[in-house]
């Protein structure tokens, strides 16, 4: 101990990396594996909340239309 500190006090702790939740892991995998989802996220990154809500409404309408067939 030098100057009142141990080596453990001075070195960063080796805490395990925080694990993502199961849902977050699933979303990360979807983003990695689906280029269309990646493209949507890139476009939405700078979109306003209103623009995102409009895009969601369009996608939901398309899904309903497809489900009725």
N, C-alpha and C. Protein backbone atom coordinates (compact mmCIF):
# COMPACT_ATOMS: atom_id res chain seq x y z
N UNK A 1 0.86 -1.17 0.00
CA UNK A 1 0.00 0.00 0.00
C UNK A 1 0.90 1.23 0.00
N UNK A 2 0.72 2.06 -1.00
CA UNK A 2 1.49 3.29 -1.10
C UNK A 2 0.55 4.46 -1.06
N UNK A 3 0.88 5.44 -0.24
CA UNK A 3 0.08 6.66 -0.13
C UNK A 3 -1.37 6.35 0.24
N UNK A 4 -1.60 5.26 0.93
CA UNK A 4 -2.94 4.92 1.40
C UNK A 4 -3.82 4.23 0.38
N UNK A 5 -3.27 3.86 -0.78
CA UNK A 5 -4.05 3.19 -1.82
C UNK A 5 -3.45 1.84 -2.14
N UNK A 6 -4.29 0.87 -2.40
CA UNK A 6 -3.82 -0.44 -2.86
C UNK A 6 -3.87 -0.45 -4.38
N UNK A 7 -3.25 -1.44 -4.98
CA UNK A 7 -3.28 -1.59 -6.43
C UNK A 7 -4.72 -1.78 -6.92
N UNK A 8 -5.54 -2.49 -6.15
CA UNK A 8 -6.95 -2.69 -6.51
C UNK A 8 -7.72 -1.37 -6.53
N UNK A 9 -7.35 -0.44 -5.66
CA UNK A 9 -8.00 0.87 -5.65
C UNK A 9 -7.71 1.66 -6.93
N UNK A 10 -6.53 1.46 -7.48
CA UNK A 10 -6.09 2.26 -8.62
C UNK A 10 -6.45 1.67 -9.98
N UNK A 11 -6.58 0.35 -10.05
CA UNK A 11 -6.88 -0.29 -11.32
C UNK A 11 -8.39 -0.37 -11.52
N UNK A 12 -8.84 -0.26 -12.78
CA UNK A 12 -10.28 -0.39 -13.03
C UNK A 12 -10.76 -1.79 -12.66
N UNK A 13 -11.98 -1.85 -12.17
CA UNK A 13 -12.51 -3.16 -11.80
C UNK A 13 -12.82 -3.95 -13.05
N UNK A 14 -12.81 -5.24 -12.93
CA UNK A 14 -13.10 -6.13 -14.05
C UNK A 14 -14.52 -6.65 -13.94
N UNK A 15 -15.46 -5.73 -13.85
CA UNK A 15 -16.86 -6.13 -13.76
C UNK A 15 -17.29 -6.72 -15.09
N UNK A 16 -18.12 -7.74 -15.06
CA UNK A 16 -18.58 -8.32 -16.33
C UNK A 16 -19.41 -7.30 -17.10
N UNK A 17 -19.33 -7.39 -18.42
CA UNK A 17 -20.12 -6.49 -19.25
C UNK A 17 -21.60 -6.71 -18.98
N UNK A 18 -22.35 -5.64 -19.01
CA UNK A 18 -23.78 -5.74 -18.75
C UNK A 18 -24.44 -6.51 -19.89
N UNK A 19 -25.22 -7.48 -19.53
CA UNK A 19 -25.92 -8.29 -20.52
C UNK A 19 -27.17 -7.57 -20.96
N UNK A 20 -27.46 -7.69 -22.24
CA UNK A 20 -28.71 -7.14 -22.76
C UNK A 20 -29.85 -8.05 -22.38
N UNK A 21 -31.03 -7.48 -22.34
CA UNK A 21 -32.19 -8.30 -22.07
C UNK A 21 -32.42 -9.21 -23.26
N UNK A 22 -33.22 -10.22 -23.06
CA UNK A 22 -33.54 -11.17 -24.13
C UNK A 22 -34.19 -10.44 -25.31
N UNK A 23 -35.08 -9.50 -25.00
CA UNK A 23 -35.74 -8.73 -26.06
C UNK A 23 -34.73 -7.90 -26.85
N UNK A 24 -33.78 -7.29 -26.16
CA UNK A 24 -32.77 -6.48 -26.83
C UNK A 24 -31.90 -7.35 -27.72
N UNK A 25 -31.53 -8.53 -27.25
CA UNK A 25 -30.75 -9.46 -28.06
C UNK A 25 -31.50 -9.83 -29.33
N UNK A 26 -32.81 -10.07 -29.21
CA UNK A 26 -33.64 -10.42 -30.37
C UNK A 26 -33.66 -9.25 -31.37
N UNK A 27 -33.84 -8.03 -30.87
CA UNK A 27 -33.87 -6.87 -31.74
C UNK A 27 -32.53 -6.66 -32.44
N UNK A 28 -31.45 -6.85 -31.73
CA UNK A 28 -30.12 -6.71 -32.32
C UNK A 28 -29.94 -7.72 -33.45
N UNK A 29 -30.39 -8.94 -33.25
CA UNK A 29 -30.27 -9.97 -34.28
C UNK A 29 -31.12 -9.62 -35.50
N UNK A 30 -32.32 -9.08 -35.28
CA UNK A 30 -33.17 -8.67 -36.39
C UNK A 30 -32.49 -7.56 -37.20
N UNK A 31 -31.91 -6.60 -36.51
CA UNK A 31 -31.22 -5.50 -37.19
C UNK A 31 -30.03 -6.03 -37.98
N UNK A 32 -29.31 -6.97 -37.41
CA UNK A 32 -28.15 -7.54 -38.11
C UNK A 32 -28.56 -8.33 -39.34
N UNK A 33 -29.64 -9.07 -39.25
CA UNK A 33 -29.98 -10.03 -40.31
C UNK A 33 -30.94 -9.50 -41.37
N UNK A 34 -31.62 -8.38 -41.11
CA UNK A 34 -32.61 -7.87 -42.06
C UNK A 34 -32.23 -6.48 -42.55
N UNK A 35 -31.76 -6.42 -43.79
CA UNK A 35 -31.28 -5.15 -44.34
C UNK A 35 -32.40 -4.12 -44.43
N UNK A 36 -33.64 -4.55 -44.67
CA UNK A 36 -34.76 -3.61 -44.72
C UNK A 36 -35.02 -2.93 -43.39
N UNK A 37 -34.90 -3.70 -42.32
CA UNK A 37 -35.08 -3.13 -40.97
C UNK A 37 -33.96 -2.14 -40.69
N UNK A 38 -32.73 -2.49 -41.08
CA UNK A 38 -31.60 -1.56 -40.91
C UNK A 38 -31.86 -0.26 -41.66
N UNK A 39 -32.36 -0.38 -42.90
CA UNK A 39 -32.63 0.81 -43.71
C UNK A 39 -33.70 1.68 -43.05
N UNK A 40 -34.76 1.04 -42.53
CA UNK A 40 -35.81 1.80 -41.84
C UNK A 40 -35.25 2.55 -40.64
N UNK A 41 -34.41 1.90 -39.88
CA UNK A 41 -33.83 2.55 -38.70
C UNK A 41 -32.93 3.71 -39.08
N UNK A 42 -32.17 3.55 -40.15
CA UNK A 42 -31.30 4.64 -40.60
C UNK A 42 -32.12 5.85 -41.01
N UNK A 43 -33.22 5.60 -41.73
CA UNK A 43 -34.08 6.71 -42.16
C UNK A 43 -34.78 7.33 -40.95
N UNK A 44 -35.24 6.49 -40.04
CA UNK A 44 -36.00 6.97 -38.88
C UNK A 44 -35.11 7.70 -37.87
N UNK A 45 -33.82 7.48 -37.94
CA UNK A 45 -32.90 8.08 -36.97
C UNK A 45 -33.07 9.59 -36.90
N UNK A 46 -33.28 10.23 -38.03
CA UNK A 46 -33.40 11.69 -38.05
C UNK A 46 -34.83 12.15 -38.29
N UNK A 47 -35.78 11.24 -38.24
CA UNK A 47 -37.19 11.58 -38.46
C UNK A 47 -37.79 12.19 -37.20
N UNK A 48 -38.82 13.00 -37.41
CA UNK A 48 -39.56 13.54 -36.27
C UNK A 48 -40.46 12.44 -35.71
N UNK A 49 -40.97 12.65 -34.51
CA UNK A 49 -41.90 11.69 -33.93
C UNK A 49 -43.12 11.51 -34.84
N UNK A 50 -43.59 12.61 -35.39
CA UNK A 50 -44.76 12.55 -36.27
C UNK A 50 -44.47 11.71 -37.52
N UNK A 51 -43.30 11.88 -38.09
CA UNK A 51 -42.92 11.10 -39.27
C UNK A 51 -42.83 9.61 -38.95
N UNK A 52 -42.29 9.30 -37.79
CA UNK A 52 -42.19 7.90 -37.38
C UNK A 52 -43.58 7.32 -37.18
N UNK A 53 -44.47 8.06 -36.53
CA UNK A 53 -45.84 7.59 -36.32
C UNK A 53 -46.55 7.36 -37.65
N UNK A 54 -46.32 8.23 -38.64
CA UNK A 54 -46.93 8.05 -39.96
C UNK A 54 -46.39 6.80 -40.64
N UNK A 55 -45.08 6.58 -40.54
CA UNK A 55 -44.48 5.38 -41.13
C UNK A 55 -45.03 4.12 -40.47
N UNK A 56 -45.19 4.15 -39.15
CA UNK A 56 -45.76 3.00 -38.44
C UNK A 56 -47.18 2.72 -38.90
N UNK A 57 -47.97 3.78 -39.08
CA UNK A 57 -49.35 3.62 -39.54
C UNK A 57 -49.39 2.99 -40.93
N UNK A 58 -48.48 3.40 -41.79
CA UNK A 58 -48.42 2.83 -43.14
C UNK A 58 -48.08 1.35 -43.09
N UNK A 59 -47.07 1.01 -42.32
CA UNK A 59 -46.65 -0.40 -42.20
C UNK A 59 -47.78 -1.23 -41.61
N UNK A 60 -48.45 -0.73 -40.57
CA UNK A 60 -49.56 -1.47 -39.97
C UNK A 60 -50.69 -1.67 -40.97
N UNK A 61 -51.00 -0.65 -41.78
CA UNK A 61 -52.04 -0.77 -42.79
C UNK A 61 -51.66 -1.81 -43.84
N UNK A 62 -50.41 -1.82 -44.25
CA UNK A 62 -49.95 -2.83 -45.22
C UNK A 62 -50.05 -4.23 -44.65
N UNK A 63 -49.73 -4.39 -43.39
CA UNK A 63 -49.80 -5.72 -42.74
C UNK A 63 -51.25 -6.19 -42.64
N UNK A 64 -52.17 -5.28 -42.33
CA UNK A 64 -53.59 -5.64 -42.26
C UNK A 64 -54.10 -6.06 -43.63
N UNK A 65 -53.69 -5.32 -44.66
CA UNK A 65 -54.11 -5.62 -46.02
C UNK A 65 -53.61 -7.01 -46.43
N UNK A 66 -52.37 -7.31 -46.09
CA UNK A 66 -51.76 -8.61 -46.41
C UNK A 66 -52.46 -9.73 -45.62
N UNK A 67 -52.82 -9.47 -44.38
CA UNK A 67 -53.45 -10.49 -43.54
C UNK A 67 -54.84 -10.84 -44.03
N UNK A 68 -55.53 -9.91 -44.68
CA UNK A 68 -56.88 -10.16 -45.18
C UNK A 68 -56.91 -11.05 -46.41
N UNK A 69 -55.79 -11.18 -47.08
CA UNK A 69 -55.73 -11.99 -48.31
C UNK A 69 -55.74 -13.44 -48.01
